[in-house]
All heavy atoms as atom14 arrays in JSON, in Angstrom:
{
  "sequence": "WSSITTTPSLFSINEMKYVDDMTKVDIVAQFPWGQEVVETV",
  "atom14_mask": [
    [1, 1, 1, 1, 1, 1, 1, 1, 1, 1, 1, 1, 1, 1],
    [1, 1, 1, 1, 1, 1, 0, 0, 0, 0, 0, 0, 0, 0],
    [1, 1, 1, 1, 1, 1, 0, 0, 0, 0, 0, 0, 0, 0],
    [1, 1, 1, 1, 1, 1, 1, 1, 0, 0, 0, 0, 0, 0],
    [1, 1, 1, 1, 1, 1, 1, 0, 0, 0, 0, 0, 0, 0],
    [1, 1, 1, 1, 1, 1, 1, 0, 0, 0, 0, 0, 0, 0],
    [1, 1, 1, 1, 1, 1, 1, 0, 0, 0, 0, 0, 0, 0],
    [1, 1, 1, 1, 1, 1, 1, 0, 0, 0, 0, 0, 0, 0],
    [1, 1, 1, 1, 1, 1, 0, 0, 0, 0, 0, 0, 0, 0],
    [1, 1, 1, 1, 1, 1, 1, 1, 0, 0, 0, 0, 0, 0],
    [1, 1, 1, 1, 1, 1, 1, 1, 1, 1, 1, 0, 0, 0],
    [1, 1, 1, 1, 1, 1, 0, 0, 0, 0, 0, 0, 0, 0],
    [1, 1, 1, 1, 1, 1, 1, 1, 0, 0, 0, 0, 0, 0],
    [1, 1, 1, 1, 1, 1, 1, 1, 0, 0, 0, 0, 0, 0],
    [1, 1, 1, 1, 1, 1, 1, 1, 1, 0, 0, 0, 0, 0],
    [1, 1, 1, 1, 1, 1, 1, 1, 0, 0, 0, 0, 0, 0],
    [1, 1, 1, 1, 1, 1, 1, 1, 1, 0, 0, 0, 0, 0],
    [1, 1, 1, 1, 1, 1, 1, 1, 1, 1, 1, 1, 0, 0],
    [1, 1, 1, 1, 1, 1, 1, 0, 0, 0, 0, 0, 0, 0],
    [1, 1, 1, 1, 1, 1, 1, 1, 0, 0, 0, 0, 0, 0],
    [1, 1, 1, 1, 1, 1, 1, 1, 0, 0, 0, 0, 0, 0],
    [1, 1, 1, 1, 1, 1, 1, 1, 0, 0, 0, 0, 0, 0],
    [1, 1, 1, 1, 1, 1, 1, 0, 0, 0, 0, 0, 0, 0],
    [1, 1, 1, 1, 1, 1, 1, 1, 1, 0, 0, 0, 0, 0],
    [1, 1, 1, 1, 1, 1, 1, 0, 0, 0, 0, 0, 0, 0],
    [1, 1, 1, 1, 1, 1, 1, 1, 0, 0, 0, 0, 0, 0],
    [1, 1, 1, 1, 1, 1, 1, 1, 0, 0, 0, 0, 0, 0],
    [1, 1, 1, 1, 1, 1, 1, 0, 0, 0, 0, 0, 0, 0],
    [1, 1, 1, 1, 1, 0, 0, 0, 0, 0, 0, 0, 0, 0],
    [1, 1, 1, 1, 1, 1, 1, 1, 1, 0, 0, 0, 0, 0],
    [1, 1, 1, 1, 1, 1, 1, 1, 1, 1, 1, 0, 0, 0],
    [1, 1, 1, 1, 1, 1, 1, 0, 0, 0, 0, 0, 0, 0],
    [1, 1, 1, 1, 1, 1, 1, 1, 1, 1, 1, 1, 1, 1],
    [1, 1, 1, 1, 0, 0, 0, 0, 0, 0, 0, 0, 0, 0],
    [1, 1, 1, 1, 1, 1, 1, 1, 1, 0, 0, 0, 0, 0],
    [1, 1, 1, 1, 1, 1, 1, 1, 1, 0, 0, 0, 0, 0],
    [1, 1, 1, 1, 1, 1, 1, 0, 0, 0, 0, 0, 0, 0],
    [1, 1, 1, 1, 1, 1, 1, 0, 0, 0, 0, 0, 0, 0],
    [1, 1, 1, 1, 1, 1, 1, 1, 1, 0, 0, 0, 0, 0],
    [1, 1, 1, 1, 1, 1, 1, 0, 0, 0, 0, 0, 0, 0],
    [1, 1, 1, 1, 1, 1, 1, 0, 0, 0, 0, 0, 0, 0]
  ],
  "atom14_positions": [
    [[-9.06, 1.65, -3.61], [-8.37, 2.92, -3.35], [-8.19, 3.72, -4.64], [-8.41, 4.94, -4.66], [-7.0, 2.65, -2.7], [-7.1, 2.31, -1.25], [-7.1, 1.06, -0.69], [-7.26, 3.22, -0.16], [-7.24, 1.14, 0.67], [-7.33, 2.46, 1.02], [-7.33, 4.61, -0.07], [-7.48, 3.04, 2.29], [-7.47, 5.2, 1.17], [-7.54, 4.42, 2.33]],
    [[-7.83, 3.05, -5.71], [-7.65, 3.74, -6.99], [-8.96, 4.3, -7.52], [-8.97, 5.31, -8.24], [-7.05, 2.79, -8.03], [-5.77, 2.36, -7.63], [0.0, 0.0, 0.0], [0.0, 0.0, 0.0], [0.0, 0.0, 0.0], [0.0, 0.0, 0.0], [0.0, 0.0, 0.0], [0.0, 0.0, 0.0], [0.0, 0.0, 0.0], [0.0, 0.0, 0.0]],
    [[-10.09, 3.67, -7.14], [-11.39, 4.07, -7.68], [-11.98, 5.28, -6.97], [-12.95, 5.85, -7.45], [-12.38, 2.9, -7.59], [-12.8, 2.68, -6.25], [0.0, 0.0, 0.0], [0.0, 0.0, 0.0], [0.0, 0.0, 0.0], [0.0, 0.0, 0.0], [0.0, 0.0, 0.0], [0.0, 0.0, 0.0], [0.0, 0.0, 0.0], [0.0, 0.0, 0.0]],
    [[-11.43, 5.68, -5.81], [-12.02, 6.79, -5.06], [-11.18, 8.05, -5.12], [-11.45, 9.03, -4.42], [-12.29, 6.41, -3.59], [-10.98, 6.1, -2.85], [-13.26, 5.24, -3.5], [-11.15, 5.91, -1.35], [0.0, 0.0, 0.0], [0.0, 0.0, 0.0], [0.0, 0.0, 0.0], [0.0, 0.0, 0.0], [0.0, 0.0, 0.0], [0.0, 0.0, 0.0]],
    [[-10.14, 8.05, -5.94], [-9.25, 9.2, -6.03], [-9.18, 9.69, -7.46], [-9.56, 8.99, -8.41], [-7.85, 8.85, -5.53], [-7.0, 9.99, -5.61], [-7.24, 7.73, -6.36], [0.0, 0.0, 0.0], [0.0, 0.0, 0.0], [0.0, 0.0, 0.0], [0.0, 0.0, 0.0], [0.0, 0.0, 0.0], [0.0, 0.0, 0.0], [0.0, 0.0, 0.0]],
    [[-8.69, 10.9, -7.64], [-8.47, 11.43, -8.99], [-7.09, 11.04, -9.53], [-6.76, 11.38, -10.65], [-8.6, 12.97, -9.0], [-7.68, 13.54, -8.06], [-10.03, 13.39, -8.63], [0.0, 0.0, 0.0], [0.0, 0.0, 0.0], [0.0, 0.0, 0.0], [0.0, 0.0, 0.0], [0.0, 0.0, 0.0], [0.0, 0.0, 0.0], [0.0, 0.0, 0.0]],
    [[-6.3, 10.33, -8.71], [-4.98, 9.88, -9.13], [-4.87, 8.38, -8.89], [-4.26, 7.93, -7.91], [-3.86, 10.62, -8.34], [-4.15, 12.0, -8.28], [-2.5, 10.41, -9.0], [0.0, 0.0, 0.0], [0.0, 0.0, 0.0], [0.0, 0.0, 0.0], [0.0, 0.0, 0.0], [0.0, 0.0, 0.0], [0.0, 0.0, 0.0], [0.0, 0.0, 0.0]],
    [[-5.44, 7.55, -9.78], [-5.43, 6.09, -9.56], [-4.04, 5.5, -9.41], [-3.85, 4.53, -8.67], [-6.14, 5.55, -10.81], [-6.99, 6.68, -11.29], [-6.21, 7.93, -10.98], [0.0, 0.0, 0.0], [0.0, 0.0, 0.0], [0.0, 0.0, 0.0], [0.0, 0.0, 0.0], [0.0, 0.0, 0.0], [0.0, 0.0, 0.0], [0.0, 0.0, 0.0]],
    [[-3.05, 6.09, -10.09], [-1.68, 5.54, -10.04], [-0.98, 5.83, -8.72], [0.15, 5.4, -8.51], [-0.85, 6.12, -11.19], [-0.78, 7.55, -11.09], [0.0, 0.0, 0.0], [0.0, 0.0, 0.0], [0.0, 0.0, 0.0], [0.0, 0.0, 0.0], [0.0, 0.0, 0.0], [0.0, 0.0, 0.0], [0.0, 0.0, 0.0], [0.0, 0.0, 0.0]],
    [[-1.65, 6.54, -7.82], [-1.06, 6.88, -6.52], [-0.78, 5.64, -5.68], [0.13, 5.62, -4.87], [-2.02, 7.82, -5.76], [-1.59, 8.34, -4.39], [-0.42, 9.3, -4.53], [-2.77, 9.03, -3.7], [0.0, 0.0, 0.0], [0.0, 0.0, 0.0], [0.0, 0.0, 0.0], [0.0, 0.0, 0.0], [0.0, 0.0, 0.0], [0.0, 0.0, 0.0]],
    [[-1.55, 4.56, -5.92], [-1.52, 3.4, -5.02], [-0.8, 2.21, -5.65], [-0.87, 1.98, -6.86], [-2.95, 3.0, -4.64], [-3.71, 4.12, -3.99], [-4.6, 4.89, -4.73], [-3.52, 4.42, -2.65], [-5.28, 5.94, -4.15], [-4.2, 5.46, -2.06], [-5.08, 6.22, -2.8], [0.0, 0.0, 0.0], [0.0, 0.0, 0.0], [0.0, 0.0, 0.0]],
    [[-0.14, 1.46, -4.78], [0.54, 0.24, -5.22], [0.57, -0.74, -4.04], [0.23, -0.39, -2.9], [1.96, 0.53, -5.7], [2.73, 1.12, -4.67], [0.0, 0.0, 0.0], [0.0, 0.0, 0.0], [0.0, 0.0, 0.0], [0.0, 0.0, 0.0], [0.0, 0.0, 0.0], [0.0, 0.0, 0.0], [0.0, 0.0, 0.0], [0.0, 0.0, 0.0]],
    [[0.97, -2.0, -4.34], [1.04, -3.04, -3.32], [2.5, -3.38, -3.06], [3.24, -3.69, -4.0], [0.27, -4.3, -3.78], [-1.19, -3.97, -4.08], [0.36, -5.39, -2.72], [-1.97, -5.12, -4.7], [0.0, 0.0, 0.0], [0.0, 0.0, 0.0], [0.0, 0.0, 0.0], [0.0, 0.0, 0.0], [0.0, 0.0, 0.0], [0.0, 0.0, 0.0]],
    [[2.9, -3.31, -1.8], [4.26, -3.66, -1.45], [4.48, -5.17, -1.49], [3.52, -5.95, -1.55], [4.61, -3.13, -0.06], [5.09, -1.68, -0.11], [5.25, -1.11, -1.18], [5.31, -1.08, 1.05], [0.0, 0.0, 0.0], [0.0, 0.0, 0.0], [0.0, 0.0, 0.0], [0.0, 0.0, 0.0], [0.0, 0.0, 0.0], [0.0, 0.0, 0.0]],
    [[5.73, -5.58, -1.4], [6.06, -7.01, -1.41], [5.55, -7.68, -0.13], [5.42, -7.05, 0.92], [7.58, -7.19, -1.52], [8.15, -6.77, -2.86], [9.64, -7.06, -2.95], [10.19, -7.61, -1.97], [10.24, -6.74, -3.98], [0.0, 0.0, 0.0], [0.0, 0.0, 0.0], [0.0, 0.0, 0.0], [0.0, 0.0, 0.0], [0.0, 0.0, 0.0]],
    [[5.27, -8.97, -0.26], [4.82, -9.73, 0.9], [5.92, -9.79, 1.97], [7.1, -9.88, 1.66], [4.47, -11.17, 0.5], [3.2, -11.31, -0.3], [2.78, -13.07, -0.55], [1.49, -12.93, -1.78], [0.0, 0.0, 0.0], [0.0, 0.0, 0.0], [0.0, 0.0, 0.0], [0.0, 0.0, 0.0], [0.0, 0.0, 0.0], [0.0, 0.0, 0.0]],
    [[5.46, -9.75, 3.22], [6.37, -9.9, 4.35], [5.85, -11.05, 5.22], [4.64, -11.25, 5.33], [6.44, -8.61, 5.17], [7.0, -7.43, 4.39], [6.99, -6.17, 5.24], [7.51, -4.97, 4.46], [7.45, -3.73, 5.27], [0.0, 0.0, 0.0], [0.0, 0.0, 0.0], [0.0, 0.0, 0.0], [0.0, 0.0, 0.0], [0.0, 0.0, 0.0]],
    [[6.77, -11.76, 5.84], [6.4, -12.9, 6.68], [6.84, -12.6, 8.11], [8.03, -12.43, 8.39], [7.07, -14.18, 6.16], [6.7, -14.48, 4.72], [7.52, -14.04, 3.67], [5.54, -15.17, 4.41], [7.18, -14.28, 2.35], [5.2, -15.42, 3.08], [6.02, -14.97, 2.06], [5.68, -15.22, 0.75], [0.0, 0.0, 0.0], [0.0, 0.0, 0.0]],
    [[5.87, -12.52, 8.99], [6.12, -12.22, 10.4], [5.46, -13.3, 11.25], [4.22, -13.38, 11.3], [5.57, -10.83, 10.79], [5.9, -10.53, 12.24], [6.13, -9.75, 9.87], [0.0, 0.0, 0.0], [0.0, 0.0, 0.0], [0.0, 0.0, 0.0], [0.0, 0.0, 0.0], [0.0, 0.0, 0.0], [0.0, 0.0, 0.0], [0.0, 0.0, 0.0]],
    [[6.29, -14.11, 11.9], [5.78, -15.22, 12.72], [4.84, -16.09, 11.88], [5.24, -16.65, 10.88], [5.09, -14.69, 13.98], [6.06, -13.92, 14.88], [7.25, -14.3, 14.89], [5.64, -12.97, 15.54], [0.0, 0.0, 0.0], [0.0, 0.0, 0.0], [0.0, 0.0, 0.0], [0.0, 0.0, 0.0], [0.0, 0.0, 0.0], [0.0, 0.0, 0.0]],
    [[3.58, -16.2, 12.3], [2.61, -17.04, 11.57], [1.76, -16.22, 10.61], [0.68, -16.66, 10.2], [1.69, -17.75, 12.57], [2.46, -18.72, 13.46], [3.34, -19.42, 12.93], [2.18, -18.75, 14.67], [0.0, 0.0, 0.0], [0.0, 0.0, 0.0], [0.0, 0.0, 0.0], [0.0, 0.0, 0.0], [0.0, 0.0, 0.0], [0.0, 0.0, 0.0]],
    [[2.24, -15.06, 10.23], [1.41, -14.15, 9.43], [2.13, -13.71, 8.16], [3.33, -13.42, 8.17], [1.04, -12.93, 10.27], [0.03, -12.01, 9.63], [-0.46, -10.7, 10.79], [-1.3, -11.67, 12.05], [0.0, 0.0, 0.0], [0.0, 0.0, 0.0], [0.0, 0.0, 0.0], [0.0, 0.0, 0.0], [0.0, 0.0, 0.0], [0.0, 0.0, 0.0]],
    [[1.38, -13.71, 7.07], [1.86, -13.13, 5.81], [1.11, -11.82, 5.61], [-0.11, -11.76, 5.77], [1.58, -14.07, 4.63], [2.12, -15.36, 4.91], [2.2, -13.52, 3.35], [0.0, 0.0, 0.0], [0.0, 0.0, 0.0], [0.0, 0.0, 0.0], [0.0, 0.0, 0.0], [0.0, 0.0, 0.0], [0.0, 0.0, 0.0], [0.0, 0.0, 0.0]],
    [[1.81, -10.75, 5.28], [1.15, -9.45, 5.15], [1.67, -8.68, 3.96], [2.82, -8.85, 3.52], [1.34, -8.62, 6.42], [2.78, -8.24, 6.72], [2.9, -7.28, 7.89], [2.5, -5.88, 7.49], [2.82, -4.87, 8.52], [0.0, 0.0, 0.0], [0.0, 0.0, 0.0], [0.0, 0.0, 0.0], [0.0, 0.0, 0.0], [0.0, 0.0, 0.0]],
    [[0.8, -7.84, 3.42], [1.18, -6.86, 2.4], [0.54, -5.53, 2.78], [-0.52, -5.49, 3.41], [0.74, -7.26, 0.97], [1.42, -8.52, 0.52], [-0.77, -7.39, 0.88], [0.0, 0.0, 0.0], [0.0, 0.0, 0.0], [0.0, 0.0, 0.0], [0.0, 0.0, 0.0], [0.0, 0.0, 0.0], [0.0, 0.0, 0.0], [0.0, 0.0, 0.0]],
    [[1.2, -4.46, 2.41], [0.67, -3.12, 2.62], [0.29, -2.51, 1.28], [1.03, -2.62, 0.3], [1.71, -2.22, 3.3], [1.99, -2.63, 4.73], [1.04, -3.08, 5.41], [3.15, -2.5, 5.16], [0.0, 0.0, 0.0], [0.0, 0.0, 0.0], [0.0, 0.0, 0.0], [0.0, 0.0, 0.0], [0.0, 0.0, 0.0], [0.0, 0.0, 0.0]],
    [[-0.88, -1.87, 1.26], [-1.25, -1.01, 0.13], [-0.78, 0.39, 0.5], [-1.09, 0.89, 1.59], [-2.76, -1.04, -0.12], [-3.21, -2.47, -0.43], [-3.14, -0.11, -1.26], [-4.71, -2.66, -0.45], [0.0, 0.0, 0.0], [0.0, 0.0, 0.0], [0.0, 0.0, 0.0], [0.0, 0.0, 0.0], [0.0, 0.0, 0.0], [0.0, 0.0, 0.0]],
    [[0.02, 0.99, -0.37], [0.65, 2.27, -0.03], [0.28, 3.35, -1.05], [-0.04, 3.06, -2.2], [2.19, 2.13, 0.03], [2.59, 1.15, 1.12], [2.76, 1.7, -1.31], [0.0, 0.0, 0.0], [0.0, 0.0, 0.0], [0.0, 0.0, 0.0], [0.0, 0.0, 0.0], [0.0, 0.0, 0.0], [0.0, 0.0, 0.0], [0.0, 0.0, 0.0]],
    [[0.3, 4.59, -0.55], [0.15, 5.75, -1.42], [1.52, 6.4, -1.56], [2.21, 6.63, -0.56], [-0.85, 6.74, -0.81], [0.0, 0.0, 0.0], [0.0, 0.0, 0.0], [0.0, 0.0, 0.0], [0.0, 0.0, 0.0], [0.0, 0.0, 0.0], [0.0, 0.0, 0.0], [0.0, 0.0, 0.0], [0.0, 0.0, 0.0], [0.0, 0.0, 0.0]],
    [[1.91, 6.67, -2.79], [3.24, 7.22, -3.06], [3.14, 8.74, -3.22], [2.69, 9.24, -4.25], [3.84, 6.6, -4.31], [5.27, 7.02, -4.58], [6.24, 6.54, -3.5], [6.3, 5.36, -3.21], [6.98, 7.47, -2.91], [0.0, 0.0, 0.0], [0.0, 0.0, 0.0], [0.0, 0.0, 0.0], [0.0, 0.0, 0.0], [0.0, 0.0, 0.0]],
    [[3.55, 9.48, -2.2], [3.55, 10.94, -2.23], [4.96, 11.45, -2.48], [5.93, 10.68, -2.36], [3.0, 11.49, -0.91], [1.51, 11.32, -0.74], [1.01, 10.36, 0.13], [0.62, 12.12, -1.46], [-0.37, 10.21, 0.29], [-0.75, 11.97, -1.3], [-1.24, 11.02, -0.43], [0.0, 0.0, 0.0], [0.0, 0.0, 0.0], [0.0, 0.0, 0.0]],
    [[5.11, 12.73, -2.79], [6.46, 13.27, -3.02], [7.41, 13.08, -1.84], [8.62, 12.96, -2.02], [6.2, 14.76, -3.28], [4.81, 14.8, -3.85], [4.07, 13.71, -3.14], [0.0, 0.0, 0.0], [0.0, 0.0, 0.0], [0.0, 0.0, 0.0], [0.0, 0.0, 0.0], [0.0, 0.0, 0.0], [0.0, 0.0, 0.0], [0.0, 0.0, 0.0]],
    [[6.87, 13.04, -0.61], [7.72, 12.88, 0.57], [7.96, 11.42, 0.93], [8.71, 11.12, 1.85], [7.11, 13.6, 1.76], [5.74, 13.1, 2.15], [5.44, 12.02, 2.94], [4.49, 13.64, 1.73], [4.08, 11.86, 3.04], [3.47, 12.84, 2.32], [4.11, 14.72, 0.93], [2.11, 13.09, 2.12], [2.76, 14.97, 0.74], [1.79, 14.16, 1.33]],
    [[7.32, 10.49, 0.23], [7.52, 9.07, 0.52], [6.21, 8.3, 0.55], [5.15, 8.82, 0.22], [0.0, 0.0, 0.0], [0.0, 0.0, 0.0], [0.0, 0.0, 0.0], [0.0, 0.0, 0.0], [0.0, 0.0, 0.0], [0.0, 0.0, 0.0], [0.0, 0.0, 0.0], [0.0, 0.0, 0.0], [0.0, 0.0, 0.0], [0.0, 0.0, 0.0]],
    [[6.29, 7.03, 0.97], [5.12, 6.17, 1.0], [4.36, 6.32, 2.31], [4.95, 6.51, 3.37], [5.53, 4.7, 0.83], [6.06, 4.34, -0.53], [6.37, 2.84, -0.63], [6.41, 2.13, 0.37], [6.59, 2.36, -1.85], [0.0, 0.0, 0.0], [0.0, 0.0, 0.0], [0.0, 0.0, 0.0], [0.0, 0.0, 0.0], [0.0, 0.0, 0.0]],
    [[3.03, 6.21, 2.2], [2.17, 6.13, 3.38], [1.33, 4.85, 3.26], [0.71, 4.61, 2.21], [1.24, 7.34, 3.48], [1.96, 8.68, 3.62], [2.64, 8.85, 4.97], [2.41, 8.01, 5.86], [3.42, 9.82, 5.12], [0.0, 0.0, 0.0], [0.0, 0.0, 0.0], [0.0, 0.0, 0.0], [0.0, 0.0, 0.0], [0.0, 0.0, 0.0]],
    [[1.34, 4.03, 4.3], [0.53, 2.81, 4.3], [-0.93, 3.18, 4.51], [-1.29, 3.82, 5.5], [0.99, 1.84, 5.4], [0.08, 0.61, 5.44], [2.44, 1.42, 5.17], [0.0, 0.0, 0.0], [0.0, 0.0, 0.0], [0.0, 0.0, 0.0], [0.0, 0.0, 0.0], [0.0, 0.0, 0.0], [0.0, 0.0, 0.0], [0.0, 0.0, 0.0]],
    [[-1.79, 2.78, 3.58], [-3.21, 3.13, 3.68], [-4.07, 1.94, 4.11], [-5.16, 2.11, 4.66], [-3.73, 3.7, 2.34], [-3.01, 4.99, 2.01], [-3.61, 2.7, 1.2], [0.0, 0.0, 0.0], [0.0, 0.0, 0.0], [0.0, 0.0, 0.0], [0.0, 0.0, 0.0], [0.0, 0.0, 0.0], [0.0, 0.0, 0.0], [0.0, 0.0, 0.0]],
    [[-3.58, 0.72, 3.84], [-4.34, -0.47, 4.24], [-3.37, -1.65, 4.33], [-2.41, -1.73, 3.56], [-5.46, -0.78, 3.25], [-6.33, -1.96, 3.65], [-7.68, -1.99, 2.94], [-8.01, -1.01, 2.23], [-8.41, -3.0, 3.08], [0.0, 0.0, 0.0], [0.0, 0.0, 0.0], [0.0, 0.0, 0.0], [0.0, 0.0, 0.0], [0.0, 0.0, 0.0]],
    [[-3.65, -2.54, 5.27], [-2.83, -3.74, 5.44], [-3.71, -4.98, 5.27], [-4.8, -5.05, 5.84], [-2.17, -3.76, 6.83], [-1.3, -2.62, 6.96], [-1.34, -5.02, 7.02], [0.0, 0.0, 0.0], [0.0, 0.0, 0.0], [0.0, 0.0, 0.0], [0.0, 0.0, 0.0], [0.0, 0.0, 0.0], [0.0, 0.0, 0.0], [0.0, 0.0, 0.0]],
    [[-3.23, -5.9, 4.45], [-3.93, -7.17, 4.23], [-3.04, -8.28, 4.77], [-1.87, -8.39, 4.4], [-4.22, -7.4, 2.73], [-5.03, -8.69, 2.53], [-4.97, -6.21, 2.13], [0.0, 0.0, 0.0], [0.0, 0.0, 0.0], [0.0, 0.0, 0.0], [0.0, 0.0, 0.0], [0.0, 0.0, 0.0], [0.0, 0.0, 0.0], [0.0, 0.0, 0.0]]
  ]
}
């Protein structure tokens, strides 16, 4: 995500979350109005 934009610092990885049998993290874009989830691992 950082490699395809002109603002590499726009993206970050949220903390891990545990839901039932699944561990997940969201890659988010930080805009002035807040975070937008761009990909989930």
